[in-house]
C-alpha atoms as a PDB file:
ATOM      1  CA  MET A   1      36.151 282.702   6.878  1.00  0.00           C
ATOM      2  CA  LYS A   2      34.590 283.216   3.540  1.00  0.00           C
ATOM      3  CA  VAL A   3      33.624 280.117   1.437  1.00  0.00           C
ATOM      4  CA  LYS A   4      31.792 279.815  -1.854  1.00  0.00           C
ATOM      5  CA  VAL A   5      28.227 278.385  -2.160  1.00  0.00           C
ATOM      6  CA  TYR A   6      28.137 276.051  -5.095  1.00  0.00           C
ATOM      7  CA  GLN A   7      25.314 275.332  -7.609  1.00  0.00           C
ATOM      8  CA  LYS A   8      23.542 272.724  -5.428  1.00  0.00           C
ATOM      9  CA  GLY A   9      23.920 274.802  -2.207  1.00  0.00           C
ATOM     10  CA  GLN A  10      27.128 272.897  -1.147  1.00  0.00           C
ATOM     11  CA  VAL A  11      29.905 274.584   0.754  1.00  0.00           C
ATOM     12  CA  VAL A  12      33.353 273.272   1.515  1.00  0.00           C
ATOM     13  CA  ILE A  13      34.381 273.387   5.144  1.00  0.00           C
ATOM     14  CA  PRO A  14      38.100 274.486   5.046  1.00  0.00           C
ATOM     15  CA  SER A  15      40.480 271.601   5.899  1.00  0.00           C
ATOM     16  CA  VAL A  16      42.066 273.419   8.903  1.00  0.00           C
ATOM     17  CA  ILE A  17      38.513 273.663  10.491  1.00  0.00           C
ATOM     18  CA  ARG A  18      37.678 270.038   9.608  1.00  0.00           C
ATOM     19  CA  GLN A  19      40.964 268.896  11.196  1.00  0.00           C
ATOM     20  CA  ARG A  20      40.442 270.959  14.313  1.00  0.00           C
ATOM     21  CA  LEU A  21      36.953 269.678  14.841  1.00  0.00           C
ATOM     22  CA  HIS A  22      37.646 266.076  13.762  1.00  0.00           C
ATOM     23  CA  ILE A  23      35.135 266.139  10.888  1.00  0.00           C
ATOM     24  CA  SER A  24      35.763 263.370   8.423  1.00  0.00           C
ATOM     25  CA  PRO A  25      34.186 262.430   5.130  1.00  0.00           C
ATOM     26  CA  GLY A  26      30.890 260.638   5.897  1.00  0.00           C
ATOM     27  CA  ASP A  27      30.408 262.498   9.240  1.00  0.00           C
ATOM     28  CA  TYR A  28      27.155 264.380   9.750  1.00  0.00           C
ATOM     29  CA  VAL A  29      26.797 268.028  10.818  1.00  0.00           C
ATOM     30  CA  ASP A  30      23.736 269.910  12.011  1.00  0.00           C
ATOM     31  CA  ILE A  31      23.002 273.182  10.239  1.00  0.00           C
ATOM     32  CA  GLU A  32      20.969 275.735  12.307  1.00  0.00           C
ATOM     33  CA  GLU A  33      19.554 279.038  11.074  1.00  0.00           C
ATOM     34  CA  SER A  34      18.886 281.773  13.486  1.00  0.00           C
ATOM     35  CA  LYS A  35      18.452 285.558  13.033  1.00  0.00           C
ATOM     36  CA  GLY A  36      19.999 285.519   9.545  1.00  0.00           C
ATOM     37  CA  TYR A  37      23.076 283.291  10.515  1.00  0.00           C
ATOM     38  CA  LEU A  38      23.865 279.770   9.794  1.00  0.00           C
ATOM     39  CA  LYS A  39      25.612 277.600  12.357  1.00  0.00           C
ATOM     40  CA  ILE A  40      27.284 274.280  11.403  1.00  0.00           C
ATOM     41  CA  VAL A  41      27.716 271.902  14.445  1.00  0.00           C
ATOM     42  CA  PRO A  42      29.520 268.520  14.182  1.00  0.00           C
ATOM     43  CA  THR A  43      27.159 265.690  15.460  1.00  0.00           C
ATOM     44  CA  GLY A  44      29.920 263.157  15.811  1.00  0.00           C
ATOM     45  CA  HIS A  45      31.054 260.166  13.855  1.00  0.00           C
ATOM     46  CA  THR A  46      28.972 257.713  11.856  1.00  0.00           C
ATOM     47  CA  ILE A  47      28.953 254.097  12.853  1.00  0.00           C
ATOM     48  CA  LEU A  48      30.805 253.260   9.728  1.00  0.00           C
ATOM     49  CA  SER A  49      33.587 255.697  10.476  1.00  0.00           C
ATOM     50  CA  LEU A  50      34.176 253.792  13.729  1.00  0.00           C
ATOM     51  CA  GLY A  51      34.858 250.453  11.885  1.00  0.00           C
ATOM     52  CA  GLY A  52      38.232 248.951  12.936  1.00  0.00           C
ATOM     53  CA  SER A  53      38.660 251.361  15.806  1.00  0.00           C
ATOM     54  CA  LEU A  54      38.284 248.832  18.464  1.00  0.00           C
ATOM     55  CA  LYS A  55      40.685 245.964  18.930  1.00  0.00           C
ATOM     56  CA  SER A  56      39.433 242.470  19.289  1.00  0.00           C
ATOM     57  CA  LYS A  57      41.215 239.321  20.530  1.00  0.00           C
ATOM     58  CA  ARG A  58      39.025 237.289  18.159  1.00  0.00           C
ATOM     59  CA  LYS A  59      39.731 236.837  14.508  1.00  0.00           C
ATOM     60  CA  ALA A  60      37.371 237.259  11.618  1.00  0.00           C
ATOM     61  CA  ALA A  61      37.291 233.504  11.156  1.00  0.00           C
ATOM     62  CA  ASP A  62      36.016 233.076  14.730  1.00  0.00           C
ATOM     63  CA  ALA A  63      33.120 235.482  13.976  1.00  0.00           C
ATOM     64  CA  ASP A  64      32.304 233.536  10.785  1.00  0.00           C
ATOM     65  CA  LYS A  65      32.224 230.305  12.838  1.00  0.00           C
ATOM     66  CA  ALA A  66      29.871 231.911  15.375  1.00  0.00           C
ATOM     67  CA  VAL A  67      27.498 233.069  12.686  1.00  0.00           C
ATOM     68  CA  GLU A  68      27.551 229.762  10.948  1.00  0.00           C
ATOM     69  CA  LYS A  69      26.694 228.055  14.265  1.00  0.00           C
ATOM     70  CA  ALA A  70      23.933 230.484  14.896  1.00  0.00           C
ATOM     71  CA  TRP A  71      22.381 229.798  11.466  1.00  0.00           C
ATOM     72  CA  THR A  72      22.682 226.055  12.117  1.00  0.00           C
ATOM     73  CA  VAL A  73      20.947 226.293  15.429  1.00  0.00           C
ATOM     74  CA  ARG A  74      18.160 228.473  13.969  1.00  0.00           C
ATOM     75  CA  ALA A  75      17.762 226.065  11.097  1.00  0.00           C
ATOM     76  CA  ARG A  76      17.279 223.170  13.470  1.00  0.00           C
ATOM     77  CA  GLU A  77      14.706 225.160  15.459  1.00  0.00           C
ATOM     78  CA  VAL A  78      12.757 225.955  12.323  1.00  0.00           C
ATOM     79  CA  ALA A  79      12.947 222.378  11.147  1.00  0.00           C
ATOM     80  CA  HIS A  80      11.749 221.184  14.639  1.00  0.00           C
ATOM     81  CA  ASP A  81       8.953 223.688  14.923  1.00  0.00           C
ATOM     82  CA  GLY A  82       8.028 223.679  11.259  1.00  0.00           C
ATOM     83  CA  LYS A  83       7.894 227.429  11.130  1.00  0.00           C
ATOM     84  CA  SER A  84       9.972 230.588  10.735  1.00  0.00           C
ATOM     85  CA  ARG A  85       9.761 233.920  12.592  1.00  0.00           C
END
């Protein structure tokens, strides 16, 4: 498939190929050069693209409470020891 190389060396991977290989905006690809050819290989999804893909039984408020509790515990430790890590 023929695609254009733009001014900054950018190429657009046609949508039909992106869909077939599950390449989404923000994903990374490896570009390999060998014997005068370029090979573009999907490396998988970024951690950010996985956000929200797992279901949790806990709510965001529960996570906020857990973080607040951890900070409180750590603050007490620092106050008791008189030092920070």
